[in-house]
Amino acid sequence: MRNTLLLLPLIAAACAGGEGTNPAASIGCSGQVLLRNIGPMAVEQAFFSAAGPGNWGRDLLTPTDIPPGGDRTVMATPGRNAVRIVFANGRAAEMPAMDVCTSGTLTISPTELIASQ
């Protein structure tokens, strides 16, 4: 019984989440995403925003692009992100929410963005 009581503060500390704690990070999610371009046009920009659409931040592909048939690994904020992909012709495709911890691959086609394991 005494050993159990000694463990309670340790268990409570391990379970407590402070303000600003990202639950995805606590389960070992790195935020790594593989971008696969299966379309006929280069992808020039990729944005992942945990804050949602409109707060895109910096282009994760700078200084290079993803050629047709190519792929590239980028680092997003662990958890749910809005995604914006910009093609060489300036056209953009968006996905309102992708959980990069459960879907580590984003396949980019001319007509859709597909998140998968």
Protein backbone atom coordinates (compact mmCIF):
# COMPACT_ATOMS: atom_id res chain seq x y z
CA MET A 1 0.00 0.00 0.00
CA ARG A 2 2.81 2.38 0.88
CA ASN A 3 4.50 1.83 -2.53
CA THR A 4 1.22 2.58 -4.27
CA LEU A 5 0.89 5.89 -2.45
CA LEU A 6 4.43 6.84 -3.44
CA LEU A 7 3.59 6.26 -7.12
CA LEU A 8 0.49 8.46 -7.14
CA PRO A 9 2.37 11.78 -7.46
CA LEU A 10 4.46 10.35 -10.29
CA ILE A 11 1.40 9.11 -12.16
CA ALA A 12 -0.37 12.45 -11.66
CA ALA A 13 2.65 14.35 -12.97
CA ALA A 14 2.90 12.11 -16.03
CA CYS A 15 -0.78 12.55 -16.86
CA ALA A 16 -0.97 16.30 -16.22
CA GLY A 17 -0.88 18.47 -19.32
CA GLY A 18 0.24 22.03 -18.91
CA GLU A 19 -1.08 24.87 -20.99
CA GLY A 20 0.37 24.75 -24.49
CA THR A 21 1.02 21.02 -24.28
CA ASN A 22 0.47 19.26 -27.59
CA PRO A 23 -1.13 15.86 -26.92
CA ALA A 24 0.13 14.53 -30.27
CA ALA A 25 3.73 15.26 -29.30
CA SER A 26 3.29 13.29 -26.08
CA ILE A 27 2.47 10.12 -28.05
CA GLY A 28 5.62 10.35 -30.12
CA CYS A 29 4.36 12.08 -33.26
CA SER A 30 7.16 13.92 -35.06
CA GLY A 31 5.00 15.73 -37.63
CA GLN A 32 6.91 14.18 -40.53
CA VAL A 33 4.84 14.03 -43.73
CA LEU A 34 5.75 12.45 -47.07
CA LEU A 35 4.40 14.51 -50.00
CA ARG A 36 3.95 12.41 -53.17
CA ASN A 37 3.28 14.25 -56.44
CA ILE A 38 1.51 11.87 -58.82
CA GLY A 39 0.37 14.67 -61.15
CA PRO A 40 1.90 15.99 -64.38
CA MET A 41 2.83 19.40 -62.91
CA ALA A 42 5.45 20.41 -60.35
CA VAL A 43 4.36 21.38 -56.85
CA GLU A 44 6.03 24.70 -55.98
CA GLN A 45 4.75 25.36 -52.46
CA ALA A 46 3.40 23.39 -49.50
CA PHE A 47 1.92 24.89 -46.35
CA PHE A 48 0.73 23.13 -43.18
CA SER A 49 -1.02 25.26 -40.56
CA ALA A 50 -2.08 24.05 -37.12
CA ALA A 51 -3.82 27.44 -36.76
CA GLY A 52 -6.09 26.67 -39.73
CA PRO A 53 -6.62 28.09 -43.22
CA GLY A 54 -5.49 31.66 -43.68
CA ASN A 55 -2.52 31.40 -41.30
CA TRP A 56 -0.24 29.54 -43.68
CA GLY A 57 3.16 30.63 -42.43
CA ARG A 58 6.22 29.63 -44.41
CA ASP A 59 6.48 27.45 -47.51
CA LEU A 60 7.86 24.05 -46.43
CA LEU A 61 9.30 23.30 -49.89
CA THR A 62 11.61 26.34 -50.11
CA PRO A 63 14.03 26.41 -51.93
CA THR A 64 13.02 23.50 -54.20
CA ASP A 65 9.82 22.03 -55.63
CA ILE A 66 8.45 18.51 -56.13
CA PRO A 67 8.64 17.48 -59.80
CA PRO A 68 5.98 15.26 -61.40
CA GLY A 69 6.39 11.74 -60.01
CA GLY A 70 8.63 13.01 -57.19
CA ASP A 71 8.29 13.09 -53.44
CA ARG A 72 9.64 15.01 -50.49
CA THR A 73 9.45 14.74 -46.72
CA VAL A 74 8.51 17.86 -44.75
CA MET A 75 7.96 18.59 -41.07
CA ALA A 76 4.56 19.91 -39.95
CA THR A 77 3.29 20.70 -36.48
CA PRO A 78 2.18 17.39 -34.89
CA GLY A 79 -1.62 17.00 -34.84
CA ARG A 80 -4.33 18.44 -37.09
CA ASN A 81 -3.25 20.86 -39.81
CA ALA A 82 -4.91 22.66 -42.67
CA VAL A 83 -2.95 22.00 -45.87
CA ARG A 84 -2.36 24.20 -48.94
CA ILE A 85 -0.52 22.96 -52.03
CA VAL A 86 0.42 25.38 -54.86
CA PHE A 87 1.22 24.08 -58.34
CA ALA A 88 3.66 25.57 -60.88
CA ASN A 89 0.78 27.22 -62.77
CA GLY A 90 -0.34 29.05 -59.61
CA ARG A 91 -3.41 26.89 -58.99
CA ALA A 92 -3.84 25.85 -55.36
CA ALA A 93 -5.52 22.91 -53.63
CA GLU A 94 -6.47 22.89 -49.96
CA MET A 95 -7.42 20.31 -47.37
CA PRO A 96 -9.14 21.76 -44.27
CA ALA A 97 -7.81 19.19 -41.81
CA MET A 98 -5.14 16.49 -41.94
CA ASP A 99 -3.94 14.73 -38.81
CA VAL A 100 -0.27 14.27 -39.60
CA CYS A 101 0.08 11.82 -36.69
CA THR A 102 -2.37 9.31 -38.15
CA SER A 103 -1.80 10.09 -41.84
CA GLY A 104 1.88 10.43 -42.64
CA THR A 105 1.54 10.59 -46.44
CA LEU A 106 -0.17 13.19 -48.61
CA THR A 107 -0.66 12.15 -52.23
CA ILE A 108 -1.05 15.12 -54.56
CA SER A 109 -2.97 14.62 -57.80
CA PRO A 110 -4.32 17.18 -60.29
CA THR A 111 -7.82 16.86 -58.81
CA GLU A 112 -7.41 16.02 -55.12
CA LEU A 113 -5.22 15.71 -52.03
CA ILE A 114 -5.33 12.26 -50.41
CA ALA A 115 -4.10 11.69 -46.85
CA SER A 116 -3.10 8.13 -45.95
CA GLN A 117 -0.88 6.08 -43.66
